[in-house]
Amino acid sequence: MLYFQEPDIEPSYRINGVDLYTTDQTVQHAVKMQELQLEKLKKQTALPQREWVGLTDEDKKQIAMEANNKSEMSAWEYAQRVGELTEAKLKGKNA
């Protein structure tokens, strides 16, 4: 196999301006080129990262009011309800 550009492996021979590699170097070169192509493909197909949208103070007040919908509720029940409402609100904002 002939390779015309090598990122970091020295060729065994150079004939008429063409770099030639031994079998071991050819394998190393092929692996390196595949890695470079994979990195390039990952960069091309990467999805842009969206910025996380958090809760406003108004959202937090609304959640606290909605969670306290029973006259008698344990602290555990209230905490669970706040967690459920918070999760739902964040999912809606970041969908």
N, C-alpha and C. Protein backbone atom coordinates (compact mmCIF):
# COMPACT_ATOMS: atom_id res chain seq x y z
N MET A 1 0.84 -1.18 0.00
CA MET A 1 0.00 0.00 0.00
C MET A 1 0.88 1.24 0.00
N LEU A 2 0.42 2.23 -0.69
CA LEU A 2 1.12 3.51 -0.71
C LEU A 2 0.26 4.56 -0.02
N TYR A 3 0.89 5.35 0.82
CA TYR A 3 0.21 6.44 1.47
C TYR A 3 0.97 7.71 1.18
N PHE A 4 0.28 8.77 0.86
CA PHE A 4 0.92 10.00 0.45
C PHE A 4 1.05 11.02 1.57
N GLN A 5 0.39 10.79 2.67
CA GLN A 5 0.49 11.71 3.79
C GLN A 5 0.44 10.91 5.08
N GLU A 6 1.38 11.16 5.96
CA GLU A 6 1.44 10.42 7.21
C GLU A 6 1.50 11.40 8.36
N PRO A 7 0.59 11.31 9.33
CA PRO A 7 0.57 12.29 10.41
C PRO A 7 1.77 12.23 11.35
N ASP A 8 2.23 11.01 11.71
CA ASP A 8 3.32 10.97 12.69
C ASP A 8 4.22 9.75 12.59
N ILE A 9 4.18 9.02 11.51
CA ILE A 9 5.01 7.85 11.33
C ILE A 9 5.97 8.11 10.17
N GLU A 10 7.25 7.91 10.40
CA GLU A 10 8.25 8.14 9.36
C GLU A 10 8.20 7.01 8.34
N PRO A 11 8.28 7.33 7.05
CA PRO A 11 8.28 6.28 6.02
C PRO A 11 9.60 5.52 6.02
N SER A 12 9.55 4.28 5.56
CA SER A 12 10.76 3.47 5.45
C SER A 12 11.59 3.92 4.25
N TYR A 13 10.91 4.28 3.19
CA TYR A 13 11.59 4.67 1.96
C TYR A 13 10.86 5.85 1.33
N ARG A 14 11.58 6.57 0.49
CA ARG A 14 10.97 7.64 -0.30
C ARG A 14 11.49 7.46 -1.73
N ILE A 15 10.58 7.21 -2.65
CA ILE A 15 10.95 7.01 -4.05
C ILE A 15 10.15 8.00 -4.89
N ASN A 16 10.87 8.83 -5.64
CA ASN A 16 10.24 9.83 -6.50
C ASN A 16 9.21 10.67 -5.74
N GLY A 17 9.54 11.03 -4.51
CA GLY A 17 8.66 11.89 -3.73
C GLY A 17 7.49 11.17 -3.09
N VAL A 18 7.45 9.84 -3.20
CA VAL A 18 6.35 9.07 -2.62
C VAL A 18 6.88 8.32 -1.40
N ASP A 19 6.21 8.48 -0.26
CA ASP A 19 6.61 7.77 0.95
C ASP A 19 6.13 6.33 0.89
N LEU A 20 7.02 5.40 1.23
CA LEU A 20 6.67 3.98 1.27
C LEU A 20 6.87 3.49 2.70
N TYR A 21 6.02 2.60 3.12
CA TYR A 21 6.04 2.09 4.49
C TYR A 21 6.18 0.59 4.50
N THR A 22 6.81 0.05 5.56
CA THR A 22 6.88 -1.40 5.71
C THR A 22 5.52 -1.89 6.18
N THR A 23 5.37 -3.20 6.27
CA THR A 23 4.08 -3.78 6.66
C THR A 23 3.62 -3.25 8.02
N ASP A 24 4.49 -3.25 9.03
CA ASP A 24 4.11 -2.76 10.35
C ASP A 24 3.71 -1.29 10.29
N GLN A 25 4.47 -0.51 9.55
CA GLN A 25 4.15 0.91 9.42
C GLN A 25 2.84 1.10 8.67
N THR A 26 2.59 0.25 7.69
CA THR A 26 1.35 0.34 6.92
C THR A 26 0.15 0.10 7.83
N VAL A 27 0.26 -0.89 8.70
CA VAL A 27 -0.83 -1.17 9.65
C VAL A 27 -1.00 0.01 10.60
N GLN A 28 0.11 0.51 11.14
CA GLN A 28 0.04 1.67 12.04
C GLN A 28 -0.60 2.86 11.32
N HIS A 29 -0.18 3.06 10.10
CA HIS A 29 -0.70 4.18 9.32
C HIS A 29 -2.20 4.02 9.08
N ALA A 30 -2.61 2.82 8.69
CA ALA A 30 -4.03 2.57 8.42
C ALA A 30 -4.86 2.82 9.67
N VAL A 31 -4.38 2.35 10.82
CA VAL A 31 -5.10 2.56 12.07
C VAL A 31 -5.18 4.04 12.38
N LYS A 32 -4.07 4.75 12.25
CA LYS A 32 -4.04 6.18 12.54
C LYS A 32 -4.98 6.95 11.61
N MET A 33 -4.97 6.61 10.35
CA MET A 33 -5.85 7.28 9.39
C MET A 33 -7.33 7.00 9.71
N GLN A 34 -7.64 5.78 10.12
CA GLN A 34 -9.02 5.46 10.50
C GLN A 34 -9.43 6.27 11.73
N GLU A 35 -8.51 6.40 12.69
CA GLU A 35 -8.81 7.20 13.89
C GLU A 35 -9.06 8.66 13.51
N LEU A 36 -8.23 9.19 12.62
CA LEU A 36 -8.40 10.58 12.19
C LEU A 36 -9.72 10.77 11.46
N GLN A 37 -10.07 9.81 10.59
CA GLN A 37 -11.34 9.90 9.87
C GLN A 37 -12.52 9.79 10.82
N LEU A 38 -12.41 8.93 11.84
CA LEU A 38 -13.48 8.79 12.82
C LEU A 38 -13.66 10.07 13.62
N GLU A 39 -12.57 10.69 14.04
CA GLU A 39 -12.66 11.96 14.76
C GLU A 39 -13.30 13.04 13.89
N LYS A 40 -12.92 13.09 12.63
CA LYS A 40 -13.49 14.07 11.71
C LYS A 40 -14.99 13.84 11.54
N LEU A 41 -15.39 12.58 11.41
CA LEU A 41 -16.80 12.24 11.27
C LEU A 41 -17.58 12.60 12.53
N LYS A 42 -17.00 12.33 13.71
CA LYS A 42 -17.67 12.69 14.96
C LYS A 42 -17.91 14.19 15.04
N LYS A 43 -16.92 14.98 14.63
CA LYS A 43 -17.07 16.43 14.66
C LYS A 43 -18.15 16.90 13.68
N GLN A 44 -18.22 16.26 12.52
CA GLN A 44 -19.20 16.65 11.51
C GLN A 44 -20.62 16.30 11.92
N THR A 45 -20.78 15.22 12.67
CA THR A 45 -22.13 14.74 12.99
C THR A 45 -22.55 15.08 14.42
N ALA A 46 -21.70 15.75 15.17
CA ALA A 46 -22.04 16.08 16.56
C ALA A 46 -23.20 17.07 16.60
N LEU A 47 -24.13 16.79 17.47
CA LEU A 47 -25.26 17.70 17.65
C LEU A 47 -24.83 18.88 18.50
N PRO A 48 -25.30 20.05 18.16
CA PRO A 48 -24.94 21.21 18.98
C PRO A 48 -25.56 21.06 20.37
N GLN A 49 -24.81 21.46 21.37
CA GLN A 49 -25.30 21.37 22.74
C GLN A 49 -26.25 22.53 23.02
N ARG A 50 -27.42 22.18 23.55
CA ARG A 50 -28.37 23.22 23.92
C ARG A 50 -28.08 23.68 25.33
N GLU A 51 -28.37 24.92 25.58
CA GLU A 51 -28.17 25.46 26.92
C GLU A 51 -29.32 25.02 27.81
N TRP A 52 -28.98 24.61 29.02
CA TRP A 52 -29.97 24.15 29.98
C TRP A 52 -30.83 25.31 30.45
N VAL A 53 -32.13 25.10 30.51
CA VAL A 53 -33.06 26.12 31.00
C VAL A 53 -33.50 25.71 32.39
N GLY A 54 -33.22 26.54 33.36
CA GLY A 54 -33.58 26.25 34.74
C GLY A 54 -34.91 26.86 35.13
N LEU A 55 -35.21 26.80 36.40
CA LEU A 55 -36.46 27.34 36.91
C LEU A 55 -36.28 28.79 37.36
N THR A 56 -37.28 29.58 37.10
CA THR A 56 -37.28 30.96 37.58
C THR A 56 -37.83 30.97 39.00
N ASP A 57 -37.68 32.09 39.67
CA ASP A 57 -38.26 32.20 41.01
C ASP A 57 -39.77 32.03 40.96
N GLU A 58 -40.38 32.55 39.91
CA GLU A 58 -41.83 32.41 39.74
C GLU A 58 -42.21 30.93 39.58
N ASP A 59 -41.43 30.18 38.80
CA ASP A 59 -41.69 28.74 38.65
C ASP A 59 -41.61 28.04 40.00
N LYS A 60 -40.61 28.39 40.80
CA LYS A 60 -40.42 27.76 42.11
C LYS A 60 -41.59 28.06 43.04
N LYS A 61 -42.08 29.30 43.01
CA LYS A 61 -43.24 29.67 43.83
C LYS A 61 -44.47 28.89 43.40
N GLN A 62 -44.64 28.77 42.10
CA GLN A 62 -45.79 28.05 41.56
C GLN A 62 -45.74 26.57 41.97
N ILE A 63 -44.57 25.98 41.89
CA ILE A 63 -44.41 24.57 42.28
C ILE A 63 -44.71 24.40 43.77
N ALA A 64 -44.21 25.30 44.59
CA ALA A 64 -44.45 25.21 46.04
C ALA A 64 -45.94 25.31 46.33
N MET A 65 -46.64 26.20 45.64
CA MET A 65 -48.09 26.36 45.86
C MET A 65 -48.85 25.13 45.37
N GLU A 66 -48.49 24.60 44.21
CA GLU A 66 -49.17 23.42 43.65
C GLU A 66 -48.91 22.19 44.51
N ALA A 67 -47.72 22.08 45.08
CA ALA A 67 -47.37 20.90 45.88
C ALA A 67 -48.17 20.86 47.17
N ASN A 68 -48.53 22.00 47.69
CA ASN A 68 -49.24 22.07 48.96
C ASN A 68 -50.75 22.11 48.71
N ASN A 69 -51.26 21.07 48.04
CA ASN A 69 -52.67 21.06 47.69
C ASN A 69 -53.55 20.30 48.69
N LYS A 70 -52.95 19.74 49.72
CA LYS A 70 -53.72 19.04 50.77
C LYS A 70 -53.56 19.81 52.08
N SER A 71 -54.58 19.72 52.90
CA SER A 71 -54.47 20.41 54.20
C SER A 71 -53.53 19.65 55.14
N GLU A 72 -53.55 18.34 55.08
CA GLU A 72 -52.66 17.55 55.93
C GLU A 72 -51.72 16.74 55.03
N MET A 73 -50.45 17.09 55.09
CA MET A 73 -49.46 16.43 54.26
C MET A 73 -48.17 16.33 55.05
N SER A 74 -47.56 15.15 55.03
CA SER A 74 -46.29 15.00 55.75
C SER A 74 -45.19 15.71 54.96
N ALA A 75 -44.09 15.95 55.64
CA ALA A 75 -42.95 16.59 54.98
C ALA A 75 -42.46 15.72 53.82
N TRP A 76 -42.50 14.41 54.02
CA TRP A 76 -42.07 13.48 52.97
C TRP A 76 -42.98 13.58 51.74
N GLU A 77 -44.29 13.61 51.95
CA GLU A 77 -45.23 13.73 50.83
C GLU A 77 -45.03 15.05 50.10
N TYR A 78 -44.83 16.11 50.87
CA TYR A 78 -44.61 17.44 50.26
C TYR A 78 -43.33 17.42 49.43
N ALA A 79 -42.27 16.85 49.97
CA ALA A 79 -40.99 16.80 49.25
C ALA A 79 -41.13 15.98 47.96
N GLN A 80 -41.85 14.87 48.04
CA GLN A 80 -42.06 14.05 46.85
C GLN A 80 -42.84 14.82 45.79
N ARG A 81 -43.88 15.50 46.22
CA ARG A 81 -44.71 16.27 45.28
C ARG A 81 -43.90 17.40 44.64
N VAL A 82 -43.09 18.09 45.43
CA VAL A 82 -42.24 19.15 44.88
C VAL A 82 -41.28 18.56 43.85
N GLY A 83 -40.70 17.41 44.16
CA GLY A 83 -39.78 16.75 43.22
C GLY A 83 -40.45 16.39 41.91
N GLU A 84 -41.66 15.83 42.01
CA GLU A 84 -42.40 15.45 40.80
C GLU A 84 -42.74 16.67 39.95
N LEU A 85 -43.23 17.73 40.58
CA LEU A 85 -43.60 18.93 39.85
C LEU A 85 -42.38 19.62 39.24
N THR A 86 -41.26 19.62 39.99
CA THR A 86 -40.03 20.22 39.49
C THR A 86 -39.53 19.46 38.26
N GLU A 87 -39.52 18.14 38.35
CA GLU A 87 -39.07 17.32 37.23
C GLU A 87 -39.94 17.56 35.99
N ALA A 88 -41.25 17.60 36.18
CA ALA A 88 -42.15 17.83 35.06
C ALA A 88 -41.92 19.21 34.42
N LYS A 89 -41.73 20.21 35.26
CA LYS A 89 -41.53 21.57 34.76
C LYS A 89 -40.21 21.66 33.97
N LEU A 90 -39.15 21.06 34.49
CA LEU A 90 -37.85 21.09 33.81
C LEU A 90 -37.88 20.31 32.50
N LYS A 91 -38.57 19.18 32.50
CA LYS A 91 -38.71 18.42 31.26
C LYS A 91 -39.43 19.24 30.20
N GLY A 92 -40.47 19.94 30.62
CA GLY A 92 -41.21 20.78 29.68
C GLY A 92 -40.36 21.92 29.11
N LYS A 93 -39.53 22.51 29.94
CA LYS A 93 -38.69 23.63 29.49
C LYS A 93 -37.52 23.18 28.62
N ASN A 94 -37.05 21.96 28.83
CA ASN A 94 -35.85 21.49 28.14
C ASN A 94 -36.12 20.40 27.13
N ALA A 95 -37.37 20.25 26.71
CA ALA A 95 -37.73 19.22 25.74
C ALA A 95 -37.29 19.60 24.35
